[in-house]
Protein backbone atom coordinates (compact mmCIF):
# COMPACT_ATOMS: atom_id res chain seq x y z
CA MET A 1 -48.53 -3.20 -46.95
CA ALA A 2 -51.51 -2.14 -48.55
CA GLY A 3 -51.85 0.31 -51.35
CA GLY A 4 -48.52 1.12 -51.48
CA GLU A 5 -47.85 1.87 -47.83
CA VAL A 6 -44.20 3.09 -47.20
CA PRO A 7 -43.07 1.75 -43.95
CA SER A 8 -41.33 3.17 -41.34
CA VAL A 9 -37.90 3.67 -41.25
CA SER A 10 -36.09 3.20 -38.21
CA ALA A 11 -32.32 3.01 -36.76
CA ALA A 12 -30.81 1.81 -33.70
CA ARG A 13 -27.81 1.19 -32.28
CA ALA A 14 -27.36 -1.66 -30.05
CA VAL A 15 -23.91 -2.68 -27.48
CA VAL A 16 -24.20 -6.53 -26.46
CA HIS A 17 -22.55 -7.88 -23.85
CA GLY A 18 -21.24 -11.10 -23.14
CA HIS A 19 -18.84 -13.39 -24.58
CA VAL A 20 -19.75 -12.30 -28.10
CA GLN A 21 -16.51 -11.83 -29.41
CA GLY A 22 -14.19 -14.62 -31.67
CA VAL A 23 -17.70 -16.66 -31.74
CA GLY A 24 -19.05 -15.82 -35.46
CA PHE A 25 -21.00 -13.31 -33.35
CA ARG A 26 -20.79 -10.35 -35.63
CA TYR A 27 -21.27 -12.48 -38.91
CA ALA A 28 -24.36 -14.26 -37.50
CA THR A 29 -25.67 -10.79 -36.69
CA THR A 30 -24.71 -9.14 -40.11
CA ARG A 31 -26.44 -12.38 -41.97
CA ARG A 32 -29.69 -12.29 -39.77
CA ALA A 33 -29.86 -8.53 -40.76
CA ALA A 34 -29.35 -9.02 -44.40
CA GLU A 35 -32.14 -11.65 -44.09
CA LEU A 36 -34.65 -8.92 -42.69
CA GLY A 37 -33.76 -6.44 -45.56
CA LEU A 38 -31.67 -4.50 -43.04
CA VAL A 39 -28.17 -2.19 -43.37
CA CYS A 40 -26.19 -3.56 -40.75
CA GLU A 41 -22.42 -3.44 -39.18
CA ALA A 42 -21.57 -5.20 -36.38
CA ARG A 43 -18.02 -4.26 -34.79
CA ASN A 44 -15.84 -5.46 -31.70
CA LEU A 45 -15.36 -2.96 -29.22
CA PRO A 46 -12.03 -2.75 -26.90
CA ASP A 47 -14.11 -3.89 -23.63
CA GLY A 48 -14.93 -7.24 -25.50
CA THR A 49 -18.68 -6.11 -26.20
CA VAL A 50 -20.00 -5.64 -30.23
CA LEU A 51 -21.63 -2.49 -31.30
CA VAL A 52 -24.20 -3.57 -34.07
CA THR A 53 -25.93 -0.52 -35.93
CA ALA A 54 -28.95 -1.62 -38.10
CA ARG A 55 -31.28 0.72 -40.23
CA GLY A 56 -34.30 -0.33 -42.20
CA ALA A 57 -38.09 -1.02 -41.70
CA ALA A 58 -39.09 -0.36 -38.18
CA ALA A 59 -40.83 -3.88 -37.27
CA ASP A 60 -37.30 -5.69 -39.00
CA VAL A 61 -34.70 -3.29 -36.89
CA GLU A 62 -37.21 -4.65 -33.61
CA VAL A 63 -36.89 -8.22 -34.88
CA LEU A 64 -33.47 -8.02 -35.07
CA VAL A 65 -33.12 -6.79 -31.33
CA ASP A 66 -35.50 -8.97 -30.20
CA TRP A 67 -33.08 -11.92 -32.00
CA LEU A 68 -29.94 -10.21 -30.08
CA ARG A 69 -31.48 -10.94 -26.97
CA SER A 70 -33.08 -14.29 -27.73
CA GLY A 71 -30.06 -16.72 -26.73
CA ARG A 72 -30.18 -17.64 -30.39
CA THR A 73 -27.36 -15.96 -31.27
CA PRO A 74 -23.36 -17.68 -31.07
CA GLY A 75 -21.70 -17.06 -27.83
CA ARG A 76 -23.45 -16.13 -24.73
CA VAL A 77 -25.51 -12.60 -24.73
CA THR A 78 -25.74 -11.24 -20.88
CA GLY A 79 -27.46 -7.98 -22.16
CA VAL A 80 -28.23 -5.77 -25.01
CA ASP A 81 -28.43 -1.96 -24.34
CA VAL A 82 -30.28 -0.10 -27.25
CA GLN A 83 -30.64 3.28 -28.31
CA PRO A 84 -32.34 4.78 -30.96
CA MET A 85 -30.56 6.75 -34.09
């Protein structure tokens, strides 16, 4: 960023569907978020989905959401429902 610009801050809540519990998905997600400089939490929900909350630079939150949908995560993601926070 040029001239001391402050990045736009964003937060998102994503519910990830598929085979995402018991496969290292939460660990991989929080690790990827940390690499992007995001504050992130991932937790299992009783219905078998994983809830991911992330906060940080808007562009980096978007990168994390794209990664969740990419097919490069542990397990098998069949859908990602995202809501801004």
